[in-house]
Protein backbone atom coordinates (compact mmCIF):
# COMPACT_ATOMS: atom_id res chain seq x y z
CA UNK A 1 34.68 -33.46 34.38
CA UNK A 2 33.23 -30.01 35.07
CA UNK A 3 29.79 -31.13 36.55
CA UNK A 4 28.91 -27.75 37.91
CA UNK A 5 28.62 -26.40 33.99
CA UNK A 6 26.59 -29.60 32.81
CA UNK A 7 24.38 -29.02 35.86
CA UNK A 8 23.51 -25.44 34.84
CA UNK A 9 22.89 -26.26 31.17
CA UNK A 10 20.50 -29.14 32.01
CA UNK A 11 18.76 -26.52 34.21
CA UNK A 12 18.29 -23.90 31.53
CA UNK A 13 17.42 -26.74 29.04
CA UNK A 14 14.44 -27.96 31.64
CA UNK A 15 13.46 -24.26 31.30
CA UNK A 16 13.21 -23.89 28.03
CA UNK A 17 11.24 -27.03 27.72
CA UNK A 18 8.95 -25.85 30.49
CA UNK A 19 8.80 -22.89 28.64
CA UNK A 20 7.55 -24.44 25.43
CA UNK A 21 4.82 -26.54 27.07
CA UNK A 22 3.03 -23.47 27.51
CA UNK A 23 2.10 -23.37 23.77
CA UNK A 24 -0.04 -26.78 23.97
CA UNK A 25 -1.59 -25.39 27.30
CA UNK A 26 -2.93 -22.82 25.15
CA UNK A 27 -4.16 -25.09 22.34
CA UNK A 28 -6.17 -27.05 24.77
CA UNK A 29 -7.69 -24.00 26.17
CA UNK A 30 -8.59 -22.92 22.43
CA UNK A 31 -10.19 -26.54 21.89
CA UNK A 32 -11.60 -26.87 25.29
CA UNK A 33 -9.34 -30.02 26.26
CA UNK A 34 -9.14 -31.43 29.74
CA UNK A 35 -5.80 -33.16 29.16
CA UNK A 36 -4.20 -29.40 28.59
CA UNK A 37 -4.02 -29.72 32.99
CA UNK A 38 -1.07 -32.25 32.60
CA UNK A 39 0.89 -30.16 30.24
CA UNK A 40 0.35 -27.45 32.83
CA UNK A 41 1.28 -30.07 35.82
CA UNK A 42 4.61 -31.58 34.10
CA UNK A 43 5.62 -27.62 33.33
CA UNK A 44 5.31 -26.82 36.89
CA UNK A 45 6.75 -29.69 37.95
CA UNK A 46 9.78 -28.96 35.51
CA UNK A 47 9.73 -25.26 36.41
CA UNK A 48 10.32 -25.76 40.25
CA UNK A 49 13.37 -28.64 39.31
CA UNK A 50 15.24 -26.35 36.96
CA UNK A 51 14.98 -23.41 38.94
CA UNK A 52 17.71 -24.84 41.84
CA UNK A 53 20.08 -26.11 39.25
CA UNK A 54 20.60 -22.68 37.48
CA UNK A 55 20.08 -20.68 40.81
CA UNK A 56 23.88 -21.10 41.29
CA UNK A 57 26.18 -20.33 38.27
CA UNK A 58 29.29 -22.55 37.90
CA UNK A 59 32.56 -21.87 39.81
CA UNK A 60 34.58 -23.53 37.28
CA UNK A 61 33.73 -22.34 33.74
CA UNK A 62 36.09 -24.57 32.32
CA UNK A 63 34.65 -26.34 29.62
CA UNK A 64 35.83 -28.69 26.59
CA UNK A 65 34.68 -31.10 23.99
CA UNK A 66 33.93 -34.04 26.71
CA UNK A 67 31.60 -31.71 28.47
CA UNK A 68 30.08 -30.55 25.97
CA UNK A 69 29.05 -34.05 24.42
CA UNK A 70 27.93 -35.17 27.92
CA UNK A 71 25.70 -32.24 28.08
CA UNK A 72 24.62 -32.61 25.17
CA UNK A 73 23.73 -36.26 25.40
CA UNK A 74 21.99 -35.68 29.20
CA UNK A 75 20.20 -33.05 27.59
CA UNK A 76 18.68 -34.49 25.02
CA UNK A 77 17.87 -37.60 27.48
CA UNK A 78 16.11 -35.37 30.23
CA UNK A 79 14.25 -33.55 27.72
CA UNK A 80 12.65 -36.99 26.24
CA UNK A 81 12.09 -38.49 29.58
CA UNK A 82 10.33 -35.33 30.82
CA UNK A 83 8.61 -34.57 27.61
CA UNK A 84 6.90 -37.88 27.26
CA UNK A 85 5.06 -37.29 30.62
CA UNK A 86 1.94 -35.87 29.18
CA UNK A 87 1.12 -38.68 26.93
CA UNK A 88 1.63 -41.23 29.66
CA UNK A 89 0.12 -39.68 32.65
CA UNK A 90 -2.90 -38.41 30.39
CA UNK A 91 -3.40 -41.95 29.24
CA UNK A 92 -3.40 -41.42 25.26
CA UNK A 93 -0.59 -43.67 25.11
CA UNK A 94 -0.76 -45.80 28.16
CA UNK A 95 2.59 -47.39 28.18
CA UNK A 96 5.71 -45.22 29.22
CA UNK A 97 7.99 -47.32 26.89
CA UNK A 98 5.57 -46.14 24.12
CA UNK A 99 5.17 -42.79 24.81
CA UNK A 100 9.17 -42.53 25.50
CA UNK A 101 9.72 -44.03 22.00
CA UNK A 102 6.99 -41.56 20.24
CA UNK A 103 8.83 -37.97 22.08
CA UNK A 104 12.27 -39.23 21.49
CA UNK A 105 11.28 -39.90 17.84
CA UNK A 106 9.65 -36.34 17.94
CA UNK A 107 12.73 -34.82 19.44
CA UNK A 108 15.30 -36.62 17.52
CA UNK A 109 12.91 -35.97 14.16
CA UNK A 110 13.13 -39.50 12.97
CA UNK A 111 8.95 -39.55 13.01
CA UNK A 112 8.68 -43.23 13.72
CA UNK A 113 5.64 -43.82 15.20
CA UNK A 114 3.84 -46.52 17.71
CA UNK A 115 0.85 -45.03 17.32
CA UNK A 116 -1.99 -46.96 15.02
CA UNK A 117 -4.49 -44.24 14.88
CA UNK A 118 -2.55 -40.70 15.16
CA UNK A 119 -5.98 -38.95 14.75
CA UNK A 120 -7.44 -40.37 18.01
CA UNK A 121 -5.16 -37.89 19.99
CA UNK A 122 -6.02 -34.59 21.50
CA UNK A 123 -5.48 -31.11 19.52
CA UNK A 124 -3.07 -30.30 22.48
CA UNK A 125 -1.23 -33.84 22.19
CA UNK A 126 -0.97 -33.69 18.36
CA UNK A 127 0.55 -30.19 18.83
CA UNK A 128 3.00 -31.06 21.33
CA UNK A 129 3.96 -34.39 19.08
CA UNK A 130 4.63 -32.40 16.29
CA UNK A 131 6.17 -29.11 17.67
CA UNK A 132 8.93 -31.64 19.50
CA UNK A 133 10.15 -31.59 15.65
CA UNK A 134 10.47 -27.83 15.52
CA UNK A 135 12.29 -27.82 18.83
CA UNK A 136 14.68 -30.75 18.07
CA UNK A 137 15.26 -29.73 14.29
CA UNK A 138 17.77 -26.77 14.85
CA UNK A 139 18.50 -28.18 18.82
CA UNK A 140 17.54 -26.93 22.09
CA UNK A 141 20.98 -26.10 23.00
CA UNK A 142 21.44 -23.96 19.84
CA UNK A 143 18.45 -22.09 21.21
CA UNK A 144 19.87 -21.69 24.63
CA UNK A 145 22.89 -20.32 23.03
CA UNK A 146 20.73 -17.65 20.88
CA UNK A 147 18.82 -16.47 23.89
CA UNK A 148 21.42 -16.88 26.86
CA UNK A 149 24.38 -15.50 27.45
CA UNK A 150 26.12 -18.14 28.85
CA UNK A 151 29.49 -17.95 30.94
CA UNK A 152 32.82 -18.63 29.64
CA UNK A 153 33.68 -19.52 26.60
CA UNK A 154 32.84 -22.74 25.65
CA UNK A 155 29.89 -22.08 23.09
CA UNK A 156 31.21 -23.51 20.41
CA UNK A 157 32.11 -26.98 22.12
CA UNK A 158 28.00 -27.22 23.20
CA UNK A 159 27.18 -26.20 19.27
CA UNK A 160 29.76 -29.09 18.04
CA UNK A 161 28.51 -31.76 20.17
CA UNK A 162 24.45 -30.77 18.76
CA UNK A 163 25.22 -29.41 15.21
CA UNK A 164 24.76 -31.76 12.47
CA UNK A 165 27.72 -32.34 10.26
CA UNK A 166 31.40 -33.32 10.06
CA UNK A 167 31.97 -29.67 10.91
CA UNK A 168 30.66 -26.57 12.41
CA UNK A 169 31.57 -23.35 11.69
CA UNK A 170 30.99 -19.47 12.53
CA UNK A 171 28.56 -17.47 10.21
CA UNK A 172 29.25 -14.63 12.75
CA UNK A 173 32.22 -13.50 14.64
CA UNK A 174 30.64 -14.87 17.89
CA UNK A 175 29.16 -18.18 18.51
CA UNK A 176 25.84 -16.46 20.13
CA UNK A 177 25.29 -14.48 16.87
CA UNK A 178 25.83 -17.33 14.71
CA UNK A 179 23.07 -19.24 16.90
CA UNK A 180 20.76 -16.42 16.59
CA UNK A 181 20.97 -15.91 12.73
CA UNK A 182 20.68 -19.91 12.17
CA UNK A 183 17.01 -19.64 14.13
CA UNK A 184 16.06 -16.34 12.30
CA UNK A 185 16.45 -18.19 9.02
CA UNK A 186 14.79 -21.04 10.65
CA UNK A 187 11.65 -19.22 12.04
CA UNK A 188 11.39 -17.14 8.74
CA UNK A 189 11.32 -20.39 6.34
CA UNK A 190 8.84 -22.00 8.77
CA UNK A 191 6.56 -18.91 8.77
CA UNK A 192 6.90 -18.72 5.00
CA UNK A 193 5.63 -22.45 4.65
CA UNK A 194 2.84 -21.81 7.09
CA UNK A 195 1.74 -18.24 4.99
CA UNK A 196 2.32 -20.74 1.92
CA UNK A 197 -0.08 -23.72 3.24
CA UNK A 198 -2.73 -21.58 4.35
CA UNK A 199 -3.02 -20.16 0.73
CA UNK A 200 -3.76 -23.69 -0.40
CA UNK A 201 -6.92 -23.24 1.70
CA UNK A 202 -4.95 -25.87 4.55
CA UNK A 203 -6.44 -25.18 8.20
CA UNK A 204 -3.99 -23.34 10.29
CA UNK A 205 -3.71 -26.04 13.03
CA UNK A 206 -2.92 -28.62 9.84
CA UNK A 207 -0.25 -25.71 8.48
CA UNK A 208 1.50 -25.00 11.93
CA UNK A 209 1.99 -28.92 12.50
CA UNK A 210 2.59 -29.68 9.06
CA UNK A 211 5.60 -26.94 8.96
CA UNK A 212 6.79 -28.16 11.99
CA UNK A 213 7.57 -31.68 10.96
CA UNK A 214 8.86 -30.07 7.49
CA UNK A 215 11.31 -27.51 9.33
CA UNK A 216 12.76 -30.27 11.59
CA UNK A 217 12.50 -32.80 8.68
CA UNK A 218 10.83 -34.81 11.19
CA UNK A 219 7.47 -35.90 9.55
CA UNK A 220 5.30 -36.58 12.21
CA UNK A 221 1.67 -36.23 10.61
CA UNK A 222 -1.53 -35.07 12.47
CA UNK A 223 -3.42 -37.43 9.48
CA UNK A 224 -3.29 -41.13 9.48
CA UNK A 225 -2.60 -41.02 5.58
CA UNK A 226 0.01 -38.37 6.57
CA UNK A 227 -0.32 -36.01 3.49
CA UNK A 228 -1.78 -38.55 1.28
CA UNK A 229 -4.93 -36.66 1.47
CA UNK A 230 -3.96 -33.04 0.82
CA UNK A 231 -4.00 -31.14 -2.53
CA UNK A 232 -1.40 -31.39 -4.94
CA UNK A 233 -0.64 -27.61 -4.30
CA UNK A 234 -0.09 -28.44 -0.35
CA UNK A 235 2.09 -31.54 -1.56
CA UNK A 236 4.28 -29.86 -3.80
CA UNK A 237 4.68 -26.92 -0.92
CA UNK A 238 5.94 -29.34 1.48
CA UNK A 239 8.45 -31.32 -1.30
CA UNK A 240 9.90 -27.48 -1.73
CA UNK A 241 10.57 -27.24 1.82
CA UNK A 242 11.54 -30.21 2.73
CA UNK A 243 14.15 -29.97 0.08
CA UNK A 244 15.19 -26.55 1.59
CA UNK A 245 15.31 -27.37 5.21
CA UNK A 246 17.55 -30.48 3.79
CA UNK A 247 20.32 -27.45 2.40
CA UNK A 248 22.92 -26.30 4.54
CA UNK A 249 22.03 -23.09 6.34
CA UNK A 250 25.36 -21.50 5.32
CA UNK A 251 24.03 -21.67 1.63
CA UNK A 252 20.49 -19.12 3.06
CA UNK A 253 23.04 -17.05 5.01
CA UNK A 254 25.37 -16.34 2.15
CA UNK A 255 22.22 -15.69 -0.29
CA UNK A 256 20.78 -13.04 2.49
CA UNK A 257 24.11 -11.28 1.93
CA UNK A 258 23.82 -11.15 -1.59
CA UNK A 259 26.86 -13.33 -1.99
CA UNK A 260 25.31 -15.76 -4.97
CA UNK A 261 27.91 -16.69 -6.74
CA UNK A 262 29.34 -18.24 -3.43
CA UNK A 263 26.12 -19.74 -2.12
CA UNK A 264 25.73 -21.53 -5.66
CA UNK A 265 29.32 -22.44 -5.65
CA UNK A 266 29.17 -24.53 -2.61
CA UNK A 267 30.05 -28.61 -3.78
CA UNK A 268 27.74 -30.15 -1.20
CA UNK A 269 24.68 -27.95 -2.13
CA UNK A 270 25.18 -28.65 -6.11
CA UNK A 271 25.82 -32.50 -5.30
CA UNK A 272 22.80 -32.47 -2.93
CA UNK A 273 20.50 -31.18 -5.84
CA UNK A 274 22.05 -33.49 -8.63
CA UNK A 275 21.25 -36.37 -6.05
CA UNK A 276 17.38 -35.55 -5.65
CA UNK A 277 17.20 -34.67 -9.28
CA UNK A 278 18.85 -38.65 -10.32
CA UNK A 279 16.75 -40.33 -8.04
CA UNK A 280 13.60 -38.90 -8.67
CA UNK A 281 14.50 -39.71 -12.27
CA UNK A 282 15.29 -43.25 -11.86
CA UNK A 283 12.06 -43.76 -9.91
CA UNK A 284 9.81 -41.96 -12.50
CA UNK A 285 11.57 -44.34 -15.19
CA UNK A 286 10.94 -47.67 -12.93
CA UNK A 287 7.43 -46.57 -11.93
CA UNK A 288 6.23 -46.21 -15.51
CA UNK A 289 4.25 -43.39 -17.02
CA UNK A 290 1.16 -46.21 -17.63
CA UNK A 291 0.80 -46.45 -13.61
CA UNK A 292 -0.21 -42.68 -13.71
CA UNK A 293 -0.07 -39.50 -15.30
CA UNK A 294 3.19 -37.68 -15.74
CA UNK A 295 2.45 -35.08 -13.56
CA UNK A 296 1.23 -37.22 -10.75
CA UNK A 297 4.67 -39.59 -11.19
CA UNK A 298 6.42 -36.58 -11.16
CA UNK A 299 5.06 -35.29 -7.76
CA UNK A 300 5.01 -38.74 -5.85
CA UNK A 301 8.49 -39.44 -6.74
CA UNK A 302 9.76 -36.06 -6.26
CA UNK A 303 8.04 -35.98 -2.67
CA UNK A 304 9.25 -39.31 -1.79
CA UNK A 305 12.68 -38.60 -3.09
CA UNK A 306 12.87 -35.30 -0.78
CA UNK A 307 10.83 -36.73 2.02
CA UNK A 308 13.56 -39.82 2.28
CA UNK A 309 17.19 -38.04 1.63
CA UNK A 310 15.91 -35.31 3.94
CA UNK A 311 14.83 -37.87 6.53
CA UNK A 312 11.52 -36.12 6.99
CA UNK A 313 9.41 -39.08 6.42
CA UNK A 314 6.36 -38.17 5.01
CA UNK A 315 4.30 -39.84 2.40
CA UNK A 316 1.92 -38.80 -0.17
CA UNK A 317 1.71 -42.68 -1.74
CA UNK A 318 2.47 -46.06 0.15
CA UNK A 319 6.07 -46.51 -1.51
CA UNK A 320 6.57 -49.96 -0.11
CA UNK A 321 4.19 -50.98 -3.07
CA UNK A 322 6.91 -49.80 -5.85
CA UNK A 323 9.11 -52.00 -7.48
CA UNK A 324 12.06 -53.08 -5.91
CA UNK A 325 14.73 -50.75 -7.71
CA UNK A 326 12.58 -47.57 -6.54
CA UNK A 327 12.44 -49.10 -3.03
CA UNK A 328 16.20 -49.51 -3.28
CA UNK A 329 16.91 -46.19 -4.25
CA UNK A 330 14.95 -44.96 -1.08
CA UNK A 331 17.03 -46.92 0.99
CA UNK A 332 20.05 -45.85 -0.34
CA UNK A 333 19.14 -42.18 -0.10
CA UNK A 334 18.00 -43.23 3.42
CA UNK A 335 21.72 -43.57 4.31
CA UNK A 336 23.49 -40.57 2.34
CA UNK A 337 20.96 -37.84 3.95
CA UNK A 338 20.87 -34.11 3.63
CA UNK A 339 23.54 -31.34 3.68
CA UNK A 340 25.42 -30.68 6.93
CA UNK A 341 24.26 -27.70 8.56
CA UNK A 342 20.64 -28.80 8.01
CA UNK A 343 18.06 -30.26 9.78
CA UNK A 344 18.05 -33.48 8.00
CA UNK A 345 19.83 -36.70 9.41
CA UNK A 346 21.91 -39.25 7.65
CA UNK A 347 25.37 -39.62 6.94
CA UNK A 348 25.40 -36.39 5.11
CA UNK A 349 26.12 -35.52 1.65
CA UNK A 350 29.34 -33.93 2.70
CA UNK A 351 30.85 -36.93 4.29
CA UNK A 352 29.69 -39.10 1.15
CA UNK A 353 31.80 -36.61 -1.14
CA UNK A 354 34.93 -37.01 1.17
CA UNK A 355 34.76 -40.66 1.32
CA UNK A 356 34.26 -40.63 -2.26
CA UNK A 357 37.37 -38.40 -2.93
CA UNK A 358 39.52 -40.58 -0.50
CA UNK A 359 38.83 -43.74 -2.39
CA UNK A 360 39.83 -41.87 -5.64
CA UNK A 361 42.76 -40.51 -4.19
CA UNK A 362 43.88 -44.44 -2.93
CA UNK A 363 43.24 -45.59 -6.30
CA UNK A 364 45.15 -42.51 -7.68
CA UNK A 365 48.19 -43.63 -5.23
CA UNK A 366 48.54 -46.69 -6.78
CA UNK A 367 49.21 -45.57 -10.38
CA UNK A 368 51.10 -42.65 -9.45
CA UNK A 369 52.99 -44.03 -5.94
CA UNK A 370 54.83 -40.60 -5.36
CA UNK A 371 52.07 -38.22 -6.10
CA UNK A 372 50.58 -35.95 -2.84
CA UNK A 373 46.83 -35.22 -3.27
CA UNK A 374 45.04 -33.45 -0.71
CA UNK A 375 41.44 -33.85 0.01
CA UNK A 376 39.43 -30.66 -1.31
CA UNK A 377 35.87 -29.16 -0.37
CA UNK A 378 34.77 -25.77 -2.37
CA UNK A 379 38.69 -25.38 -3.08
CA UNK A 380 39.55 -25.52 0.17
CA UNK A 381 42.16 -28.65 1.47
CA UNK A 382 40.38 -30.42 4.36
CA UNK A 383 42.43 -31.42 7.31
CA UNK A 384 43.64 -34.79 7.88
CA UNK A 385 41.20 -34.70 11.42
CA UNK A 386 38.18 -33.94 9.24
CA UNK A 387 39.10 -36.79 6.78
CA UNK A 388 39.90 -39.10 9.24
CA UNK A 389 37.03 -38.22 11.74
CA UNK A 390 34.99 -39.03 8.60
CA UNK A 391 36.12 -42.49 8.14
CA UNK A 392 35.75 -43.10 11.67
CA UNK A 393 32.35 -41.79 11.43
CA UNK A 394 31.41 -44.24 8.78
CA UNK A 395 32.99 -47.42 10.55
CA UNK A 396 31.19 -46.75 13.82
CA UNK A 397 28.13 -46.28 12.39
CA UNK A 398 28.13 -49.47 10.18
CA UNK A 399 29.27 -50.96 13.50
CA UNK A 400 26.14 -49.67 15.64
CA UNK A 401 23.78 -50.65 12.60
CA UNK A 402 24.93 -53.94 12.63
CA UNK A 403 24.55 -54.31 16.13
CA UNK A 404 21.08 -52.89 16.11
CA UNK A 405 19.86 -55.50 13.21
CA UNK A 406 21.43 -58.27 15.06
CA UNK A 407 19.34 -57.14 18.49
CA UNK A 408 16.06 -56.90 16.69
CA UNK A 409 16.54 -60.40 15.01
CA UNK A 410 15.64 -62.29 17.76
CA UNK A 411 12.04 -61.42 17.39
CA UNK A 412 11.93 -63.04 14.15
CA UNK A 413 10.60 -60.36 11.97
CA UNK A 414 11.69 -60.40 8.30
CA UNK A 415 15.10 -59.36 7.37
CA UNK A 416 13.60 -56.30 5.21
CA UNK A 417 11.69 -54.83 7.91
CA UNK A 418 14.59 -55.29 10.88
CA UNK A 419 17.24 -53.71 8.54
CA UNK A 420 14.85 -50.44 6.95
CA UNK A 421 13.56 -49.90 11.18
CA UNK A 422 17.01 -49.64 12.19
CA UNK A 423 18.00 -47.51 8.95
CA UNK A 424 14.78 -45.13 9.59
CA UNK A 425 16.01 -44.73 13.09
CA UNK A 426 19.67 -44.44 12.98
CA UNK A 427 19.39 -42.35 10.07
CA UNK A 428 16.13 -40.06 11.72
CA UNK A 429 13.89 -40.90 8.64
CA UNK A 430 10.92 -42.23 10.09
CA UNK A 431 9.11 -44.85 7.92
CA UNK A 432 10.64 -48.35 6.53
CA UNK A 433 9.72 -51.20 4.42
CA UNK A 434 7.41 -54.16 5.05
CA UNK A 435 5.72 -53.94 8.49
CA UNK A 436 7.59 -50.37 9.09
CA UNK A 437 6.29 -49.11 5.53
CA UNK A 438 4.19 -45.68 5.34
CA UNK A 439 1.04 -47.69 6.23
CA UNK A 440 2.32 -49.13 9.16
CA UNK A 441 4.21 -48.20 12.75
CA UNK A 442 6.27 -49.68 15.15
CA UNK A 443 4.23 -51.16 17.66
CA UNK A 444 4.61 -54.56 16.81
CA UNK A 445 8.31 -54.50 18.52
CA UNK A 446 8.90 -55.67 22.20
CA UNK A 447 9.76 -53.25 24.59
CA UNK A 448 13.59 -54.34 24.09
CA UNK A 449 13.48 -53.58 20.57
CA UNK A 450 12.07 -50.16 21.24
CA UNK A 451 14.89 -49.17 23.68
CA UNK A 452 17.25 -50.58 21.13
CA UNK A 453 15.76 -48.21 18.27
CA UNK A 454 15.36 -45.49 20.94
CA UNK A 455 19.02 -45.56 21.17
CA UNK A 456 19.80 -45.45 17.58
CA UNK A 457 17.40 -42.47 17.10
CA UNK A 458 19.39 -40.59 19.84
CA UNK A 459 22.75 -41.68 18.47
CA UNK A 460 21.75 -40.70 14.74
CA UNK A 461 20.76 -37.29 15.23
CA UNK A 462 23.67 -36.34 17.93
CA UNK A 463 26.08 -37.39 15.18
CA UNK A 464 27.18 -40.54 17.16
CA UNK A 465 29.79 -39.68 19.19
CA UNK A 466 28.20 -37.26 22.04
CA UNK A 467 26.28 -40.05 23.03
CA UNK A 468 29.08 -42.54 22.81
CA UNK A 469 30.92 -40.41 25.08
CA UNK A 470 28.16 -40.64 27.87
CA UNK A 471 28.98 -44.33 28.23
CA UNK A 472 32.33 -44.60 27.44
CA UNK A 473 33.85 -45.16 31.14
CA UNK A 474 36.88 -42.72 30.77
CA UNK A 475 34.44 -39.91 30.59
CA UNK A 476 33.50 -40.07 34.30
CA UNK A 477 36.72 -41.11 35.53
CA UNK A 478 37.45 -39.51 38.73
CA UNK A 479 33.77 -37.48 38.89
CA UNK A 480 32.06 -39.69 41.86
CA UNK A 481 35.44 -40.68 43.70
CA UNK A 482 36.26 -38.31 46.61
CA UNK A 483 39.16 -35.93 46.81
CA UNK A 484 42.12 -37.15 48.34
CA UNK A 485 43.43 -35.53 51.60
CA UNK A 486 46.61 -34.11 52.11
CA UNK A 487 48.87 -36.44 54.18
CA UNK A 488 49.71 -34.69 57.38
CA UNK A 489 53.56 -33.98 58.33
C-alpha cells in the first residue's frame, strides 16, 4: 500500500474542503450570523492539518486501483467527519451522530434528513447543507484532478474509484482535461438553472440552494415542505434539470461538439427517457384524473418520477399517500437510478440493460446451444470483465441491502419503513415511505441504525467496492508491519 500518495491526496482534499467552507462564512457575514465563526474555526483547523500532509510530495508515485479505492473511501470519510463539525459545535444539530448523518447525506447526495424543522437552521448552515450536495455530486476527487497537476500516472484509477457507473472513459485525451470538461458542464448547467429559477421570481438564496440540490441530485430543501410551496413554473424547471443531471455527461459533451447523431444514439440515454415517460404515464393512470386537473397531475407525476429515478429526493406532494401501484413504481425507480456518468445514484440504467441482455442471451442459449452472442452497448461488444463486474455489483448490492434491512428490523419498525429507508440511503435518494416518507425524517432511528444507514449512503455513492476495499484485510497487508532487517552474514 502506497500510504504516502494516499496521505498526499487526503491533504489536498482537506485543503479543498477548507476553501469551500469560506463560502458559508461569507453567507454568515451577509446575514450577520454569529454561527459563521464556527465555519471559520473549522476551516483554519482543517487548513493547519492539511498543510503538513501536502508539504512533502510522495516519494513513490506507484498508484494502483487498490490505492485509488482506499484514498477515495478515506477522503469521503474524513471530509464528512470534518464537514459535520460546524453543525455540531454550533449546537444547531446537538448530536454528533445526527450532524454526521446530515453531512454524509449531503456529500453522498442522498438528501435523507434527521431535522424535524429545516427552517430552524441559520442561513449559513442551510447554505453549507445544500452546498455539500454540489460538492458530492461530481465528486471532490474529480474536482481535485481538474485543478491540480497530480504526480504520477494514477489519475484514471482515482477517477474510476469515485465516478458512478460500470465503466469510466476519457472525454479528452488526458484525465485532467476530462475532469475539467465534466466540471465546466456541471457548473454551466448549475448556473443556467439558477438563472431560470430567478426568472420565476425565486429569491437568490433559494435559487442557489435549490440548484445545488438539483445539480448534485441530492434533494436537501430549505423549506419544511421541500418544493411544494413554489410555483408550478419553478417546479417544472426543477423537474427538467433533475432529469438532465441524471443523463450521462458524455451526452452533453457530444452535443457541445456538434455530434448530435452520436449523442442521440446512446442506448442508455434513450432507455432512461423511455423509463421516465412510462413511469409517469402509469402513475397518472393509477392516480386518476378526477383527483386533480390534468396539468397538475402531469406536473406532480413527472416531478416525482424524475426526483426518484435521478435519486434527487425533492417532493411537490406527499407521494406516501398515493395508491399502492404508484408507490410500487417509485420503489422500483429507486433501484434503477439514473445513467452512468451522471450525478445520480442507484444501480444505473446501463447496468440494468446489461443484466437484461445477459438474461436474454441465456434464454437464447437454451434454444440454440451452439450459438455465440456477445453483449453489446451502443453497437460495441462489451468485455467479459464489464459483464462480470455488473453481475457481481448487483449480487453485492442485494447482500448489503438485505443485511441492512435485517439490522434495522431490530427496532421493530414496520417493514415498509425499514425496506424503503435502506433503499433510499443505499441508492442515495432521500425520502422513502411510511415513517421516512416526504413529510417524515430519519430522526426516530437509533444511533446504531443511523450508522448502518450512513454506511449505506457511503457505499452507495462510491459504487460499493471502494468502501468495501477499505474494510478488506488484504488491502492493508504489510502496511503497518515493520520492514524486515537483512540477516547479517
